[in-house]
Protein backbone atom coordinates (compact mmCIF):
# COMPACT_ATOMS: atom_id res chain seq x y z
CA UNK A 1 -0.09 0.06 -0.06
CA UNK A 2 2.83 1.84 -0.15
CA UNK A 3 3.00 2.62 -4.23
CA UNK A 4 -0.85 4.83 -3.53
CA UNK A 5 0.49 7.45 -1.25
CA UNK A 6 3.08 8.16 -4.30
CA UNK A 7 0.75 8.42 -7.05
CA UNK A 8 -2.40 10.44 -5.37
CA UNK A 9 -1.17 14.01 -7.01
CA UNK A 10 -2.64 16.77 -5.66
CA UNK A 11 -3.71 19.13 -8.60
CA UNK A 12 -1.63 20.24 -11.01
CA UNK A 13 -0.22 19.70 -14.11
CA UNK A 14 1.90 16.40 -13.66
CA UNK A 15 2.23 13.08 -14.52
CA UNK A 16 0.64 11.98 -11.29
CA UNK A 17 -2.38 13.87 -12.00
CA UNK A 18 -2.71 12.66 -15.31
CA UNK A 19 -2.80 8.79 -14.02
CA UNK A 20 -4.43 9.50 -11.49
CA UNK A 21 -7.85 11.84 -13.31
CA UNK A 22 -7.33 8.95 -15.75
CA UNK A 23 -7.92 6.43 -13.13
CA UNK A 24 -10.81 8.25 -12.18
CA UNK A 25 -12.70 8.00 -15.25
CA UNK A 26 -12.03 5.29 -16.40
CA UNK A 27 -13.69 3.62 -12.86
CA UNK A 28 -16.72 6.38 -13.49
CA UNK A 29 -17.24 4.69 -16.79
CA UNK A 30 -17.05 1.20 -15.77
CA UNK A 31 -18.88 1.24 -13.00
CA UNK A 32 -21.68 3.43 -14.86
CA UNK A 33 -21.72 0.97 -17.84
CA UNK A 34 -20.88 -2.62 -15.61
CA UNK A 35 -23.69 -2.24 -12.65
CA UNK A 36 -26.82 -1.57 -14.79
CA UNK A 37 -25.53 -4.80 -16.80
CA UNK A 38 -24.30 -6.56 -13.40
CA UNK A 39 -28.06 -5.89 -12.10
CA UNK A 40 -29.67 -7.08 -14.96
CA UNK A 41 -27.88 -9.99 -15.59
CA UNK A 42 -28.12 -11.28 -11.86
CA UNK A 43 -30.72 -9.26 -10.04
CA UNK A 44 -33.75 -8.98 -12.87
CA UNK A 45 -36.54 -10.54 -10.92
CA UNK A 46 -40.48 -9.42 -10.58
CA UNK A 47 -40.01 -7.14 -7.91
CA UNK A 48 -41.81 -6.93 -4.81
CA UNK A 49 -45.10 -4.66 -3.72
CA UNK A 50 -43.00 -2.95 -1.60
CA UNK A 51 -40.68 -2.04 -4.45
CA UNK A 52 -42.72 -0.86 -6.85
CA UNK A 53 -44.42 1.46 -4.75
CA UNK A 54 -40.75 2.24 -4.70
CA UNK A 55 -40.12 2.19 -8.66
CA UNK A 56 -43.82 5.14 -7.86
CA UNK A 57 -41.87 7.12 -5.89
CA UNK A 58 -38.40 7.41 -7.72
CA UNK A 59 -38.94 10.16 -10.14
CA UNK A 60 -40.47 12.01 -6.96
CA UNK A 61 -36.98 10.98 -4.38
CA UNK A 62 -35.07 12.10 -7.43
CA UNK A 63 -36.68 16.01 -7.50
CA UNK A 64 -36.67 16.47 -3.98
CA UNK A 65 -34.66 14.81 -1.36
CA UNK A 66 -31.76 17.07 -2.74
CA UNK A 67 -34.16 19.99 0.02
CA UNK A 68 -34.51 16.86 2.68
CA UNK A 69 -30.55 15.84 3.00
CA UNK A 70 -29.49 19.49 3.13
CA UNK A 71 -32.53 20.20 6.10
CA UNK A 72 -31.51 16.78 7.76
CA UNK A 73 -27.22 18.12 6.94
CA UNK A 74 -28.20 21.72 8.84
CA UNK A 75 -30.62 19.93 11.49
CA UNK A 76 -27.36 17.37 12.97
CA UNK A 77 -24.22 21.09 12.22
CA UNK A 78 -24.70 21.54 15.57
CA UNK A 79 -24.29 18.43 17.07
CA UNK A 80 -20.60 16.51 18.09
CA UNK A 81 -21.24 12.91 16.12
CA UNK A 82 -18.71 11.56 13.85
CA UNK A 83 -18.62 12.73 10.73
CA UNK A 84 -19.94 8.36 10.01
CA UNK A 85 -22.27 8.90 12.38
CA UNK A 86 -23.89 11.89 10.69
CA UNK A 87 -23.10 10.49 7.38
CA UNK A 88 -25.31 7.70 8.35
CA UNK A 89 -28.14 8.91 9.82
CA UNK A 90 -28.32 11.41 7.13
CA UNK A 91 -28.70 8.90 4.57
CA UNK A 92 -31.33 6.38 5.90
CA UNK A 93 -33.18 10.16 7.43
CA UNK A 94 -32.86 11.61 3.37
CA UNK A 95 -34.37 8.39 2.08
CA UNK A 96 -37.22 7.15 3.84
CA UNK A 97 -38.57 10.93 4.50
CA UNK A 98 -37.68 11.45 0.46
CA UNK A 99 -39.49 8.54 -0.76
CA UNK A 100 -42.09 8.38 1.88
CA UNK A 101 -42.41 12.38 0.88
CA UNK A 102 -42.17 11.41 -2.81
CA UNK A 103 -45.45 8.55 -2.44
CA UNK A 104 -47.62 10.54 -0.41
CA UNK A 105 -47.36 14.01 -3.60
CA UNK A 106 -48.16 10.94 -6.05
CA UNK A 107 -51.88 10.86 -4.34
CA UNK A 108 -52.60 14.14 -4.28
CA UNK A 109 -54.17 14.72 -8.29
CA UNK A 110 -52.05 18.01 -8.83
CA UNK A 111 -49.11 16.92 -8.20
CA UNK A 112 -49.47 13.52 -10.03
CA UNK A 113 -49.03 14.65 -13.41
CA UNK A 114 -45.53 16.85 -12.52
CA UNK A 115 -44.38 13.57 -10.94
């Protein structure tokens, strides 16, 4: 593991930055292409009733999740908790509240056409 800190560059126009940026781009493209294929091939099954409701609420959760995540982060800002605990709390709360609120908004007639 001694090789990795020497390879990671802090920025600038040098070979370390070029190698690290190329590696990040390669990994990103690999995930963007590979993960959908992985899930299509190995995890493609008929969804349960809960998953179908989550799928219906997914676009709405995508739209409103930023407001909820920022709100939860702001609420936790003053508490002296470890960053990992804050991350877990924000993630779990953000997912639950975003999907719940999106599902409830989907029941409203005027908003149903938008989200």
